[in-house]
C-alpha cells in the first residue's frame, strides 16, 4: 500500500488493533499478537493465527505498508482481512497478489526448484 495515512504508520497499538480486527473479519483466531518498533521509524507486527499468520510492515517516512496474509483451510476469507486493512491504512494506491499454497501454478518455478549443485536441506 502506498501513500497511506501516515498518522498510524508508527503507532504499534493501532497497527496491532488493525491486525486483530482484520483477523476477526476474516474469521481467523488470533493466538498471539506481537510488534516491534524500529528506529528509523517503522513497525513490524505479527498476528499468529490458529490458521497460520498475518504480518504488517510499515515505512512511515515513505508512507508505505506491506502486508502478508497466510491462511490454511477453507473457512478463513483473506479478502475480508485485506478489505479491513485497506480501509484502516487508507492508501491512495495498492496492489495485491493471491498465491494458493501447494498450487500447481507455482510448481516448476525457480522458487520451487534448486540447481543440482545446490542440495536442498
N, C-alpha and C. Protein backbone atom coordinates (compact mmCIF):
# COMPACT_ATOMS: atom_id res chain seq x y z
N UNK A 1 0.85 -1.17 0.00
CA UNK A 1 0.00 0.00 0.00
C UNK A 1 0.90 1.23 0.00
N UNK A 2 0.59 2.18 -0.87
CA UNK A 2 1.39 3.39 -0.99
C UNK A 2 0.55 4.61 -0.60
N UNK A 3 1.25 5.62 -0.12
CA UNK A 3 0.62 6.89 0.28
C UNK A 3 -0.50 6.65 1.29
N UNK A 4 -0.14 5.94 2.35
CA UNK A 4 -1.10 5.61 3.42
C UNK A 4 -1.24 6.78 4.38
N UNK A 5 -2.24 6.66 5.25
CA UNK A 5 -2.44 7.61 6.33
C UNK A 5 -1.23 7.52 7.27
N UNK A 6 -0.31 8.47 7.17
CA UNK A 6 0.95 8.43 7.91
C UNK A 6 0.78 8.54 9.41
N UNK A 7 -0.34 9.04 9.88
CA UNK A 7 -0.55 9.19 11.32
C UNK A 7 -0.56 7.86 12.05
N UNK A 8 -0.88 6.77 11.36
CA UNK A 8 -0.97 5.47 12.03
C UNK A 8 0.22 4.55 11.75
N UNK A 9 1.12 4.95 10.86
CA UNK A 9 2.18 4.05 10.43
C UNK A 9 3.27 3.80 11.46
N UNK A 10 3.32 4.59 12.51
CA UNK A 10 4.30 4.36 13.57
C UNK A 10 3.60 4.22 14.92
N UNK A 11 2.37 3.73 14.89
CA UNK A 11 1.58 3.53 16.11
C UNK A 11 1.33 2.04 16.29
N UNK A 12 2.18 1.39 17.07
CA UNK A 12 2.11 -0.07 17.23
C UNK A 12 0.76 -0.51 17.79
N UNK A 13 0.21 0.26 18.71
CA UNK A 13 -1.07 -0.12 19.31
C UNK A 13 -2.17 -0.16 18.24
N UNK A 14 -2.23 0.86 17.40
CA UNK A 14 -3.25 0.89 16.34
C UNK A 14 -3.03 -0.22 15.32
N UNK A 15 -1.77 -0.44 14.95
CA UNK A 15 -1.48 -1.46 13.95
C UNK A 15 -1.85 -2.85 14.47
N UNK A 16 -1.58 -3.11 15.75
CA UNK A 16 -1.98 -4.40 16.32
C UNK A 16 -3.51 -4.53 16.35
N UNK A 17 -4.20 -3.42 16.59
CA UNK A 17 -5.67 -3.47 16.56
C UNK A 17 -6.17 -3.71 15.15
N UNK A 18 -5.52 -3.10 14.15
CA UNK A 18 -5.87 -3.36 12.75
C UNK A 18 -5.75 -4.86 12.44
N UNK A 19 -4.65 -5.47 12.90
CA UNK A 19 -4.44 -6.90 12.68
C UNK A 19 -5.53 -7.73 13.36
N UNK A 20 -5.82 -7.39 14.61
CA UNK A 20 -6.84 -8.13 15.36
C UNK A 20 -8.20 -8.04 14.65
N UNK A 21 -8.55 -6.85 14.21
CA UNK A 21 -9.84 -6.66 13.54
C UNK A 21 -9.88 -7.33 12.17
N UNK A 22 -8.75 -7.27 11.44
CA UNK A 22 -8.69 -7.91 10.12
C UNK A 22 -8.84 -9.42 10.26
N UNK A 23 -8.18 -9.98 11.27
CA UNK A 23 -8.29 -11.43 11.51
C UNK A 23 -9.73 -11.79 11.87
N UNK A 24 -10.34 -11.00 12.70
CA UNK A 24 -11.73 -11.24 13.10
C UNK A 24 -12.65 -11.17 11.89
N UNK A 25 -12.48 -10.15 11.06
CA UNK A 25 -13.32 -10.02 9.86
C UNK A 25 -13.17 -11.23 8.94
N UNK A 26 -11.96 -11.79 8.88
CA UNK A 26 -11.68 -12.93 8.01
C UNK A 26 -12.17 -14.25 8.61
N UNK A 27 -12.54 -14.24 9.89
CA UNK A 27 -12.97 -15.47 10.55
C UNK A 27 -11.82 -16.24 11.17
N UNK A 28 -10.67 -15.59 11.35
CA UNK A 28 -9.49 -16.24 11.91
C UNK A 28 -9.43 -16.07 13.43
N UNK A 29 -8.67 -16.94 14.08
CA UNK A 29 -8.50 -16.91 15.53
C UNK A 29 -7.09 -16.45 15.86
N UNK A 30 -6.97 -15.30 16.54
CA UNK A 30 -5.66 -14.78 16.94
C UNK A 30 -5.18 -15.55 18.17
N UNK A 31 -3.99 -16.15 18.04
CA UNK A 31 -3.37 -16.87 19.15
C UNK A 31 -2.45 -15.93 19.93
N UNK A 32 -1.69 -15.13 19.20
CA UNK A 32 -0.77 -14.18 19.83
C UNK A 32 -0.54 -13.02 18.87
N UNK A 33 -0.32 -11.84 19.45
CA UNK A 33 -0.11 -10.63 18.68
C UNK A 33 1.12 -9.93 19.23
N UNK A 34 2.13 -9.69 18.39
CA UNK A 34 3.34 -9.01 18.83
C UNK A 34 3.74 -7.95 17.82
N UNK A 35 4.56 -7.00 18.29
CA UNK A 35 5.06 -5.97 17.38
C UNK A 35 6.45 -5.55 17.82
N UNK A 36 7.16 -4.94 16.88
CA UNK A 36 8.48 -4.39 17.16
C UNK A 36 8.57 -3.04 16.47
N UNK A 37 9.08 -2.04 17.22
CA UNK A 37 9.25 -0.70 16.67
C UNK A 37 10.72 -0.49 16.30
N UNK A 38 10.95 0.07 15.12
CA UNK A 38 12.30 0.29 14.62
C UNK A 38 12.66 1.76 14.69
N UNK A 39 13.96 2.04 14.62
CA UNK A 39 14.47 3.39 14.52
C UNK A 39 15.56 3.37 13.46
N UNK A 40 15.41 4.02 12.28
CA UNK A 40 14.36 4.98 11.95
C UNK A 40 12.97 4.35 12.01
N UNK A 41 11.95 5.22 12.08
CA UNK A 41 10.59 4.75 12.33
C UNK A 41 10.11 3.64 11.40
N UNK A 42 9.37 2.76 12.00
CA UNK A 42 8.73 1.66 11.28
C UNK A 42 8.28 0.62 12.28
N UNK A 43 7.32 -0.17 11.89
CA UNK A 43 6.76 -1.19 12.78
C UNK A 43 6.63 -2.49 12.01
N UNK A 44 6.93 -3.58 12.67
CA UNK A 44 6.57 -4.90 12.18
C UNK A 44 5.64 -5.49 13.23
N UNK A 45 4.49 -5.93 12.80
CA UNK A 45 3.52 -6.56 13.70
C UNK A 45 3.13 -7.91 13.13
N UNK A 46 2.99 -8.89 14.01
CA UNK A 46 2.66 -10.25 13.61
C UNK A 46 1.48 -10.74 14.43
N UNK A 47 0.49 -11.28 13.72
CA UNK A 47 -0.62 -11.97 14.38
C UNK A 47 -0.43 -13.45 14.08
N UNK A 48 -0.15 -14.21 15.12
CA UNK A 48 -0.07 -15.65 14.97
C UNK A 48 -1.51 -16.16 15.08
N UNK A 49 -1.95 -16.85 14.05
CA UNK A 49 -3.33 -17.31 13.98
C UNK A 49 -3.39 -18.82 14.19
N UNK A 50 -4.49 -19.31 14.67
CA UNK A 50 -4.71 -20.75 14.73
C UNK A 50 -4.66 -21.32 13.32
N UNK A 51 -4.93 -20.48 12.32
CA UNK A 51 -4.98 -20.88 10.92
C UNK A 51 -3.73 -20.49 10.14
N UNK A 52 -2.73 -19.89 10.74
CA UNK A 52 -1.42 -19.53 10.17
C UNK A 52 -0.97 -18.19 10.74
N UNK A 53 -0.78 -17.14 9.89
CA UNK A 53 -0.32 -15.86 10.43
C UNK A 53 -0.59 -14.71 9.45
N UNK A 54 -0.51 -13.49 10.01
CA UNK A 54 -0.61 -12.26 9.23
C UNK A 54 0.50 -11.33 9.72
N UNK A 55 1.13 -10.59 8.79
CA UNK A 55 2.15 -9.63 9.18
C UNK A 55 1.90 -8.28 8.51
N UNK A 56 2.34 -7.23 9.21
CA UNK A 56 2.30 -5.87 8.68
C UNK A 56 3.68 -5.28 8.91
N UNK A 57 4.22 -4.63 7.88
CA UNK A 57 5.49 -3.94 7.96
C UNK A 57 5.26 -2.52 7.46
N UNK A 58 5.64 -1.51 8.27
CA UNK A 58 5.40 -0.12 7.86
C UNK A 58 6.71 0.65 7.67
N UNK A 59 6.68 1.57 6.73
CA UNK A 59 7.75 2.53 6.49
C UNK A 59 7.10 3.91 6.52
N UNK A 60 6.97 4.52 7.71
CA UNK A 60 6.25 5.79 7.85
C UNK A 60 6.80 6.92 6.98
N UNK A 61 8.12 7.02 6.86
CA UNK A 61 8.70 8.11 6.07
C UNK A 61 8.22 8.03 4.62
N UNK A 62 8.12 6.82 4.10
CA UNK A 62 7.68 6.63 2.71
C UNK A 62 6.17 6.51 2.57
N UNK A 63 5.46 6.36 3.69
CA UNK A 63 4.01 6.18 3.62
C UNK A 63 3.62 4.82 3.07
N UNK A 64 4.50 3.83 3.25
CA UNK A 64 4.32 2.50 2.64
C UNK A 64 4.03 1.44 3.69
N UNK A 65 3.16 0.49 3.33
CA UNK A 65 2.83 -0.64 4.18
C UNK A 65 2.85 -1.91 3.33
N UNK A 66 3.49 -2.96 3.86
CA UNK A 66 3.47 -4.28 3.22
C UNK A 66 2.74 -5.23 4.16
N UNK A 67 1.88 -6.06 3.60
CA UNK A 67 1.08 -6.99 4.39
C UNK A 67 1.20 -8.38 3.80
N UNK A 68 1.32 -9.37 4.67
CA UNK A 68 1.28 -10.77 4.24
C UNK A 68 0.18 -11.45 5.04
N UNK A 69 -0.68 -12.17 4.35
CA UNK A 69 -1.76 -12.92 4.99
C UNK A 69 -1.64 -14.37 4.55
N UNK A 70 -1.32 -15.24 5.48
CA UNK A 70 -1.19 -16.67 5.20
C UNK A 70 -2.28 -17.40 5.96
N UNK A 71 -3.08 -18.18 5.27
CA UNK A 71 -4.15 -18.92 5.93
C UNK A 71 -4.17 -20.36 5.45
N UNK A 72 -4.69 -21.22 6.29
CA UNK A 72 -4.86 -22.63 5.96
C UNK A 72 -6.34 -22.97 6.01
N UNK A 73 -6.72 -23.95 5.23
CA UNK A 73 -8.11 -24.40 5.25
C UNK A 73 -8.99 -23.59 4.33
N UNK A 74 -10.29 -23.84 4.44
CA UNK A 74 -11.25 -23.18 3.55
C UNK A 74 -12.23 -22.27 4.29
N UNK A 75 -12.06 -22.13 5.60
CA UNK A 75 -13.00 -21.34 6.39
C UNK A 75 -12.65 -19.86 6.40
N UNK A 76 -11.36 -19.53 6.41
CA UNK A 76 -10.90 -18.15 6.52
C UNK A 76 -11.03 -17.46 5.16
N UNK A 77 -11.43 -16.18 5.20
CA UNK A 77 -11.56 -15.39 3.97
C UNK A 77 -10.53 -14.25 4.01
N UNK A 78 -9.33 -14.46 3.43
CA UNK A 78 -8.30 -13.43 3.48
C UNK A 78 -8.68 -12.13 2.77
N UNK A 79 -9.60 -12.21 1.82
CA UNK A 79 -10.05 -10.99 1.14
C UNK A 79 -10.73 -10.03 2.12
N UNK A 80 -11.44 -10.58 3.11
CA UNK A 80 -12.07 -9.71 4.12
C UNK A 80 -11.03 -9.04 5.01
N UNK A 81 -9.94 -9.76 5.30
CA UNK A 81 -8.84 -9.15 6.07
C UNK A 81 -8.20 -8.04 5.25
N UNK A 82 -7.99 -8.30 3.97
CA UNK A 82 -7.40 -7.30 3.08
C UNK A 82 -8.28 -6.06 3.03
N UNK A 83 -9.57 -6.25 2.88
CA UNK A 83 -10.52 -5.12 2.83
C UNK A 83 -10.41 -4.27 4.09
N UNK A 84 -10.37 -4.93 5.25
CA UNK A 84 -10.27 -4.19 6.51
C UNK A 84 -8.97 -3.38 6.57
N UNK A 85 -7.85 -3.98 6.16
CA UNK A 85 -6.57 -3.28 6.23
C UNK A 85 -6.51 -2.12 5.25
N UNK A 86 -7.11 -2.27 4.08
CA UNK A 86 -7.16 -1.15 3.13
C UNK A 86 -7.97 0.01 3.71
N UNK A 87 -9.08 -0.30 4.35
CA UNK A 87 -9.90 0.75 4.98
C UNK A 87 -9.14 1.40 6.14
N UNK A 88 -8.35 0.63 6.86
CA UNK A 88 -7.63 1.15 8.03
C UNK A 88 -6.45 2.04 7.65
N UNK A 89 -5.67 1.63 6.66
CA UNK A 89 -4.47 2.38 6.29
C UNK A 89 -4.74 3.48 5.26
N UNK A 90 -5.90 3.44 4.59
CA UNK A 90 -6.32 4.47 3.64
C UNK A 90 -5.27 4.77 2.57
N UNK A 91 -4.75 3.75 1.88
CA UNK A 91 -3.76 4.03 0.84
C UNK A 91 -4.38 4.72 -0.38
N UNK A 92 -3.58 5.52 -1.04
CA UNK A 92 -4.03 6.11 -2.30
C UNK A 92 -3.86 5.12 -3.44
N UNK A 93 -2.96 4.13 -3.24
CA UNK A 93 -2.73 3.11 -4.26
C UNK A 93 -2.32 1.82 -3.57
N UNK A 94 -2.64 0.70 -4.19
CA UNK A 94 -2.23 -0.59 -3.63
C UNK A 94 -2.23 -1.66 -4.71
N UNK A 95 -1.51 -2.71 -4.44
CA UNK A 95 -1.56 -3.90 -5.28
C UNK A 95 -1.70 -5.10 -4.36
N UNK A 96 -2.22 -6.18 -4.91
CA UNK A 96 -2.31 -7.42 -4.13
C UNK A 96 -2.13 -8.60 -5.06
N UNK A 97 -1.57 -9.65 -4.49
CA UNK A 97 -1.34 -10.89 -5.22
C UNK A 97 -1.82 -12.03 -4.32
N UNK A 98 -2.59 -12.95 -4.89
CA UNK A 98 -3.03 -14.12 -4.14
C UNK A 98 -2.33 -15.34 -4.71
N UNK A 99 -1.64 -16.08 -3.86
CA UNK A 99 -0.99 -17.33 -4.23
C UNK A 99 -1.59 -18.45 -3.40
N UNK A 100 -2.00 -19.50 -4.06
CA UNK A 100 -2.51 -20.67 -3.36
C UNK A 100 -1.31 -21.55 -3.01
N UNK A 101 -1.11 -21.82 -1.72
CA UNK A 101 -0.01 -22.69 -1.33
C UNK A 101 -0.30 -24.10 -1.83
N UNK A 102 0.75 -24.72 -2.36
CA UNK A 102 0.58 -26.05 -2.91
C UNK A 102 -0.07 -26.06 -4.28
N UNK A 103 -0.27 -24.89 -4.85
CA UNK A 103 -0.93 -24.76 -6.14
C UNK A 103 -0.06 -25.31 -7.26
N UNK A 104 -0.66 -26.03 -8.22
CA UNK A 104 0.12 -26.48 -9.38
C UNK A 104 0.65 -25.31 -10.21
N UNK A 105 0.09 -24.13 -10.03
CA UNK A 105 0.55 -22.97 -10.79
C UNK A 105 1.96 -22.55 -10.39
N UNK A 106 2.41 -22.87 -9.16
CA UNK A 106 3.75 -22.48 -8.75
C UNK A 106 4.75 -23.63 -8.87
N UNK A 107 4.28 -24.82 -9.15
CA UNK A 107 5.18 -25.95 -9.32
C UNK A 107 6.04 -25.72 -10.56
N UNK A 108 7.34 -25.97 -10.41
CA UNK A 108 8.24 -25.80 -11.54
C UNK A 108 8.79 -24.40 -11.69
N UNK A 109 8.49 -23.49 -10.77
CA UNK A 109 9.06 -22.15 -10.84
C UNK A 109 10.45 -22.18 -10.25
N UNK A 110 11.20 -21.11 -10.45
CA UNK A 110 12.55 -21.03 -9.89
C UNK A 110 12.54 -21.14 -8.37
N UNK A 111 11.48 -20.71 -7.75
CA UNK A 111 11.41 -20.79 -6.29
C UNK A 111 11.23 -22.21 -5.79
N UNK A 112 10.69 -23.07 -6.60
CA UNK A 112 10.43 -24.43 -6.13
C UNK A 112 11.47 -25.43 -6.62
N UNK A 113 12.42 -24.98 -7.45
CA UNK A 113 13.46 -25.87 -7.95
C UNK A 113 14.82 -25.32 -7.56
N UNK A 114 15.72 -26.21 -7.17
CA UNK A 114 17.08 -25.80 -6.84
C UNK A 114 18.02 -26.38 -7.87
N UNK A 115 19.04 -25.62 -8.26
CA UNK A 115 20.03 -26.19 -9.17
C UNK A 115 20.65 -27.44 -8.57
N UNK A 116 21.09 -28.38 -9.42
CA UNK A 116 21.60 -29.66 -8.94
C UNK A 116 22.84 -29.49 -8.06
N UNK A 117 23.60 -28.40 -8.25
CA UNK A 117 24.79 -28.21 -7.42
C UNK A 117 24.47 -27.62 -6.04
N UNK A 118 23.23 -27.23 -5.80
CA UNK A 118 22.82 -26.70 -4.51
C UNK A 118 21.80 -27.66 -3.89
N UNK A 119 22.25 -28.59 -3.06
CA UNK A 119 21.31 -29.55 -2.48
C UNK A 119 20.34 -28.86 -1.52
N UNK A 120 19.11 -29.31 -1.54
CA UNK A 120 18.10 -28.81 -0.61
C UNK A 120 18.25 -29.55 0.70
N UNK A 121 18.28 -28.80 1.79
CA UNK A 121 18.44 -29.44 3.12
C UNK A 121 17.25 -29.17 3.98
